[in-house]
Amino acid sequence: MAEYLSLAEIQERSADILSALESLINTKAVANKPNAKQWRFLRDGVRCLFSPCVDSEFQNISPVRAAQLKFETEDRLKRYYLRPGRPLDFVFTLVHKSDLAKYGLIDREDYPSLAGYCVLIRDKVDDNNKGPDDLKKYLERVITEAMDAEFRAYAALPRIDQDDLNKWFVTDSPAMKEIMNLLTRHQKKGWIISNSLNPSTKRLLDIKVKKIENLHAFINTMEYWFLRWWDVKDGSYTYPYRETNRQMYVLKKEPDGWKVFKNLRPSPRSSTPHRWKNHKKQ
């Protein structure tokens, strides 16, 4: 996950940040009308980082209107940030205050917000100065974190919460849809791996960054997954998924960091649920 500046770091660099913000908003590829409401909303959100927002025109707007302004701003910024060859000093991101912990900011009460939204800032210069080895290590971390998030999602059943997955997987990507589809199916069946003494586990055995492009990276892994699914309705184990295989991840560069877009893996060689149940009954 990308690292964002702390509030203290932002305040120390206020002049540079405000200058970069105005330069960004006055770029035609970003804003046709720099004084439109969504850009005034962003400006005030940034200014709140340096002084209280008491005089903002957006201080008392409705949650629905605030969400609309946030979406309009983020949509334009995201498209601009993903265009190749754009020189950037800082990256600005609008997030709801309740989501600050997902971005590594734990002082939620102290971080200023406007109409429920906070402006997070990342130093793009520091990102650009990272060497190839640093980037490879970062991408490897994304994979390990994504694996952990996926395993936690299975372990949380019958509860389904996509928030943790959103940190490491691109929303609505093939990889995310595959996981959510599996979670939904198993929730309906009443399958879990959180029962007492359940031996389910996973291990990353090997990882290698194969190729890094402007917006995509390709990573190969060797993984071991053992998911011993327990059927709550029957009160017994119903399906042991045990696989050691090579997988290929396609990572996509998002405004808030690299995330898993696609996960290509071979079909399982484990017993199918139907065959396993027949085996149990024999």
Protein backbone atom coordinates (compact mmCIF):
# COMPACT_ATOMS: atom_id res chain seq x y z
CA MET A 1 0.00 0.00 0.00
CA ALA A 2 1.21 3.49 -0.77
CA GLU A 3 2.45 5.55 2.18
CA TYR A 4 0.74 8.87 2.80
CA LEU A 5 2.21 11.88 4.53
CA SER A 6 1.34 12.36 8.16
CA LEU A 7 -0.49 15.50 9.22
CA ALA A 8 2.73 16.90 10.69
CA GLU A 9 4.61 16.26 7.42
CA ILE A 10 1.84 17.93 5.44
CA GLN A 11 1.92 21.02 7.63
CA GLU A 12 5.70 21.26 7.35
CA ARG A 13 5.42 21.33 3.55
CA SER A 14 2.33 23.52 3.30
CA ALA A 15 3.75 25.97 0.74
CA ASP A 16 4.86 23.24 -1.68
CA ILE A 17 1.59 21.34 -1.29
CA LEU A 18 -0.63 24.37 -1.88
CA SER A 19 1.43 25.35 -4.91
CA ALA A 20 1.18 21.81 -6.32
CA LEU A 21 -2.58 21.76 -5.70
CA GLU A 22 -3.17 24.98 -7.65
CA SER A 23 -0.95 23.76 -10.48
CA LEU A 24 -2.95 20.54 -10.62
CA ILE A 25 -6.38 22.17 -10.59
CA ASN A 26 -5.32 24.67 -13.27
CA THR A 27 -4.22 21.88 -15.60
CA LYS A 28 -6.76 21.62 -18.43
CA ALA A 29 -6.53 17.83 -18.52
CA VAL A 30 -7.78 17.83 -14.92
CA ALA A 31 -10.29 20.65 -14.63
CA ASN A 32 -12.10 22.53 -17.38
CA LYS A 33 -13.39 24.96 -14.77
CA PRO A 34 -10.88 25.35 -11.91
CA ASN A 35 -13.46 27.19 -9.80
CA ALA A 36 -16.18 24.57 -10.12
CA LYS A 37 -17.68 23.24 -6.88
CA GLN A 38 -15.77 19.96 -6.81
CA TRP A 39 -12.45 21.80 -7.04
CA ARG A 40 -13.46 24.32 -4.40
CA PHE A 41 -14.35 21.30 -2.25
CA LEU A 42 -10.87 19.84 -2.78
CA ARG A 43 -9.19 23.18 -2.09
CA ASP A 44 -11.09 23.62 1.16
CA GLY A 45 -10.33 20.02 2.13
CA VAL A 46 -6.61 20.70 1.74
CA ARG A 47 -6.83 24.02 3.56
CA CYS A 48 -8.48 22.20 6.47
CA LEU A 49 -5.18 20.40 6.95
CA PHE A 50 -3.58 23.70 7.91
CA SER A 51 -6.40 25.51 9.74
CA PRO A 52 -9.98 24.79 10.93
CA CYS A 53 -12.68 24.53 8.24
CA VAL A 54 -15.12 26.85 9.99
CA ASP A 55 -15.42 29.23 7.05
CA SER A 56 -15.91 26.62 4.31
CA GLU A 57 -19.07 26.78 2.21
CA PHE A 58 -19.15 22.96 2.36
CA GLN A 59 -19.01 22.57 6.11
CA ASN A 60 -22.71 21.75 6.55
CA ILE A 61 -23.64 20.11 3.23
CA SER A 62 -25.56 16.81 3.24
CA PRO A 63 -23.73 13.44 3.17
CA VAL A 64 -25.21 12.73 -0.26
CA ARG A 65 -23.92 16.00 -1.72
CA ALA A 66 -20.50 15.47 -0.13
CA ALA A 67 -20.27 11.97 -1.60
CA GLN A 68 -21.19 13.33 -5.03
CA LEU A 69 -18.47 15.99 -4.89
CA LYS A 70 -15.95 13.42 -3.71
CA PHE A 71 -16.82 11.09 -6.60
CA GLU A 72 -16.60 13.86 -9.21
CA THR A 73 -13.20 14.96 -7.90
CA GLU A 74 -11.72 11.49 -7.53
CA ASP A 75 -12.93 10.39 -10.96
CA ARG A 76 -11.12 13.23 -12.72
CA LEU A 77 -7.98 12.92 -10.61
CA LYS A 78 -7.76 9.17 -11.08
CA ARG A 79 -7.96 9.43 -14.85
CA TYR A 80 -5.26 12.10 -14.84
CA TYR A 81 -2.91 10.22 -12.50
CA LEU A 82 -3.11 7.07 -14.64
CA ARG A 83 -2.08 8.86 -17.81
CA PRO A 84 1.58 8.06 -18.62
CA GLY A 85 4.36 10.59 -18.50
CA ARG A 86 2.75 13.08 -16.13
CA PRO A 87 5.24 14.91 -13.87
CA LEU A 88 3.79 14.98 -10.38
CA ASP A 89 5.04 16.31 -7.07
CA PHE A 90 2.11 15.18 -4.93
CA VAL A 91 -0.87 12.88 -5.32
CA PHE A 92 -4.13 14.00 -3.65
CA THR A 93 -6.78 11.48 -2.61
CA LEU A 94 -10.20 12.04 -1.01
CA VAL A 95 -11.39 9.36 1.43
CA HIS A 96 -14.14 9.15 4.01
CA LYS A 97 -12.95 9.73 7.55
CA SER A 98 -14.14 6.27 8.63
CA ASP A 99 -11.70 4.71 6.16
CA LEU A 100 -8.51 6.40 7.38
CA ALA A 101 -7.17 3.25 9.04
CA LYS A 102 -7.21 1.47 5.67
CA TYR A 103 -4.64 3.98 4.45
CA GLY A 104 -2.30 3.55 7.40
CA LEU A 105 -3.50 6.66 9.28
CA ILE A 106 -4.52 5.65 12.78
CA ASP A 107 -5.08 9.09 14.35
CA ARG A 108 -8.61 9.38 12.98
CA GLU A 109 -9.81 11.84 15.59
CA ASP A 110 -6.95 14.28 14.95
CA TYR A 111 -6.98 14.18 11.15
CA PRO A 112 -9.03 17.12 9.77
CA SER A 113 -12.06 16.43 7.61
CA LEU A 114 -14.60 18.43 5.62
CA ALA A 115 -18.18 17.15 5.38
CA GLY A 116 -16.88 13.74 6.48
CA TYR A 117 -14.06 13.52 3.91
CA CYS A 118 -10.30 13.84 4.35
CA VAL A 119 -7.63 14.74 1.81
CA LEU A 120 -4.67 12.35 1.89
CA ILE A 121 -1.41 13.37 0.24
CA ARG A 122 1.39 11.20 -1.09
CA ASP A 123 4.83 12.46 -2.08
CA LYS A 124 5.17 11.29 -5.66
CA VAL A 125 8.78 12.52 -5.85
CA ASP A 126 9.79 9.98 -3.24
CA ASP A 127 7.94 7.26 -5.17
CA ASN A 128 9.79 8.15 -8.37
CA ASN A 129 13.15 8.00 -6.60
CA LYS A 130 12.68 4.39 -5.59
CA GLY A 131 15.10 2.06 -7.31
CA PRO A 132 14.12 -1.12 -9.18
CA ASP A 133 14.90 -3.28 -6.16
CA ASP A 134 12.69 -1.16 -3.93
CA LEU A 135 9.79 -1.45 -6.34
CA LYS A 136 10.22 -5.22 -6.63
CA LYS A 137 10.19 -5.59 -2.86
CA TYR A 138 7.09 -3.41 -2.69
CA LEU A 139 5.29 -5.52 -5.32
CA GLU A 140 6.25 -8.69 -3.46
CA ARG A 141 4.73 -7.19 -0.35
CA VAL A 142 1.50 -6.46 -2.22
CA ILE A 143 1.25 -10.16 -3.13
CA THR A 144 1.88 -11.36 0.43
CA GLU A 145 -0.62 -8.86 1.82
CA ALA A 146 -3.19 -9.88 -0.82
CA MET A 147 -2.76 -13.55 0.09
CA ASP A 148 -3.24 -12.73 3.77
CA ALA A 149 -6.34 -10.66 3.02
CA GLU A 150 -7.81 -13.46 0.90
CA PHE A 151 -7.21 -16.04 3.64
CA ARG A 152 -8.73 -13.72 6.26
CA ALA A 153 -11.80 -13.31 4.05
CA TYR A 154 -12.33 -17.08 3.98
CA ALA A 155 -11.70 -17.36 7.72
CA ALA A 156 -14.31 -14.65 8.41
CA LEU A 157 -17.17 -16.64 6.88
CA PRO A 158 -20.13 -16.64 7.30
CA ARG A 159 -19.49 -12.88 7.54
CA ILE A 160 -18.44 -11.23 4.26
CA ASP A 161 -16.56 -7.93 4.43
CA GLN A 162 -14.92 -6.62 1.27
CA ASP A 163 -13.15 -3.67 2.92
CA ASP A 164 -10.00 -5.61 3.81
CA LEU A 165 -9.77 -7.02 0.28
CA ASN A 166 -10.15 -3.55 -1.23
CA LYS A 167 -6.76 -2.56 0.20
CA TRP A 168 -4.93 -5.06 -2.01
CA PHE A 169 -7.29 -5.96 -4.87
CA VAL A 170 -8.67 -3.70 -7.59
CA THR A 171 -12.40 -3.24 -7.00
CA ASP A 172 -14.53 -5.12 -9.56
CA SER A 173 -11.43 -6.78 -11.02
CA PRO A 174 -11.44 -10.44 -12.15
CA ALA A 175 -9.45 -11.40 -9.05
CA MET A 176 -11.88 -9.64 -6.70
CA LYS A 177 -14.94 -11.09 -8.45
CA GLU A 178 -13.50 -14.59 -8.17
CA ILE A 179 -12.97 -14.27 -4.43
CA MET A 180 -16.36 -12.65 -3.79
CA ASN A 181 -18.10 -15.33 -5.86
CA LEU A 182 -16.44 -18.05 -3.79
CA LEU A 183 -17.31 -16.31 -0.53
CA THR A 184 -20.95 -15.92 -1.57
CA ARG A 185 -21.28 -19.56 -2.63
CA HIS A 186 -19.72 -20.88 0.56
CA GLN A 187 -21.79 -18.55 2.71
CA LYS A 188 -24.97 -19.97 1.15
CA LYS A 189 -23.74 -23.53 1.69
CA GLY A 190 -22.80 -22.86 5.29
CA TRP A 191 -19.11 -23.72 4.77
CA ILE A 192 -16.50 -22.24 7.10
CA ILE A 193 -12.88 -22.78 8.13
CA SER A 194 -13.21 -21.10 11.53
CA ASN A 195 -14.49 -24.12 13.45
CA SER A 196 -12.49 -25.42 16.40
CA LEU A 197 -9.13 -27.05 15.53
CA ASN A 198 -9.55 -26.34 11.81
CA PRO A 199 -6.12 -26.95 10.18
CA SER A 200 -6.57 -24.60 7.20
CA THR A 201 -3.45 -22.64 6.26
CA LYS A 202 -1.51 -21.16 3.34
CA ARG A 203 2.14 -20.50 2.52
CA LEU A 204 3.99 -18.46 -0.08
CA LEU A 205 6.80 -20.79 -1.16
CA ASP A 206 8.41 -18.68 -3.88
CA ILE A 207 7.87 -15.34 -5.60
CA LYS A 208 9.48 -13.67 -8.59
CA VAL A 209 8.72 -10.35 -10.27
CA LYS A 210 8.81 -11.15 -14.00
CA LYS A 211 7.95 -7.85 -15.67
CA ILE A 212 7.08 -4.27 -14.71
CA GLU A 213 5.34 -1.95 -17.15
CA ASN A 214 3.99 1.56 -16.72
CA LEU A 215 0.63 0.49 -15.33
CA HIS A 216 0.95 -3.29 -14.93
CA ALA A 217 3.31 -5.76 -13.28
CA PHE A 218 3.49 -9.54 -13.68
CA ILE A 219 4.54 -11.74 -10.78
CA ASN A 220 4.90 -15.52 -10.55
CA THR A 221 4.49 -17.41 -7.29
CA MET A 222 4.57 -20.92 -5.91
CA GLU A 223 1.89 -21.29 -3.24
CA TYR A 224 0.52 -23.92 -0.88
CA TRP A 225 -3.12 -23.61 0.16
CA PHE A 226 -4.99 -26.00 2.47
CA LEU A 227 -8.61 -25.03 3.10
CA ARG A 228 -10.52 -27.71 4.97
CA TRP A 229 -14.11 -26.61 4.68
CA TRP A 230 -16.51 -27.45 7.49
CA ASP A 231 -20.23 -27.81 6.73
CA VAL A 232 -22.13 -26.13 9.56
CA LYS A 233 -25.40 -27.82 8.54
CA ASP A 234 -23.97 -31.35 8.55
CA GLY A 235 -21.52 -30.74 11.39
CA SER A 236 -18.68 -32.39 9.45
CA TYR A 237 -15.85 -31.65 7.03
CA THR A 238 -17.14 -31.52 3.48
CA TYR A 239 -14.30 -30.54 1.14
CA PRO A 240 -10.51 -30.42 1.55
CA TYR A 241 -8.90 -28.02 -0.92
CA ARG A 242 -5.19 -28.86 -0.82
CA GLU A 243 -3.05 -27.45 -3.64
CA THR A 244 0.59 -26.60 -4.29
CA ASN A 245 0.79 -24.77 -7.60
CA ARG A 246 2.35 -21.99 -9.62
CA GLN A 247 0.29 -18.85 -10.03
CA MET A 248 0.67 -15.64 -12.02
CA TYR A 249 -0.55 -12.31 -10.69
CA VAL A 250 -1.27 -9.27 -12.81
CA LEU A 251 -0.95 -6.13 -10.70
CA LYS A 252 -2.39 -2.80 -11.75
CA LYS A 253 -1.10 0.60 -10.71
CA GLU A 254 -3.89 2.53 -9.01
CA PRO A 255 -3.71 6.11 -7.67
CA ASP A 256 -3.29 4.75 -4.14
CA GLY A 257 -0.71 2.10 -5.03
CA TRP A 258 -0.33 -1.22 -6.84
CA LYS A 259 -3.12 -3.78 -6.41
CA VAL A 260 -3.95 -7.27 -7.68
CA PHE A 261 -6.05 -7.17 -10.83
CA LYS A 262 -5.96 -10.76 -11.98
CA ASN A 263 -4.78 -14.07 -10.49
CA LEU A 264 -4.18 -16.89 -12.97
CA ARG A 265 -3.88 -20.39 -11.50
CA PRO A 266 -4.45 -23.95 -12.72
CA SER A 267 -7.67 -25.83 -12.00
CA PRO A 268 -7.54 -27.65 -8.64
CA ARG A 269 -6.42 -31.25 -8.55
CA SER A 270 -8.13 -31.73 -5.17
CA SER A 271 -11.28 -33.77 -4.78
CA THR A 272 -14.44 -32.04 -5.89
CA PRO A 273 -17.02 -31.47 -3.14
CA HIS A 274 -19.38 -34.02 -4.68
CA ARG A 275 -16.76 -36.78 -4.90
CA TRP A 276 -15.56 -36.03 -1.38
CA LYS A 277 -19.07 -36.35 0.06
CA ASN A 278 -19.59 -39.64 -1.79
CA HIS A 279 -16.29 -40.88 -0.40
CA LYS A 280 -17.39 -40.00 3.13
CA LYS A 281 -20.63 -41.91 2.77
CA GLN A 282 -18.94 -45.11 1.62
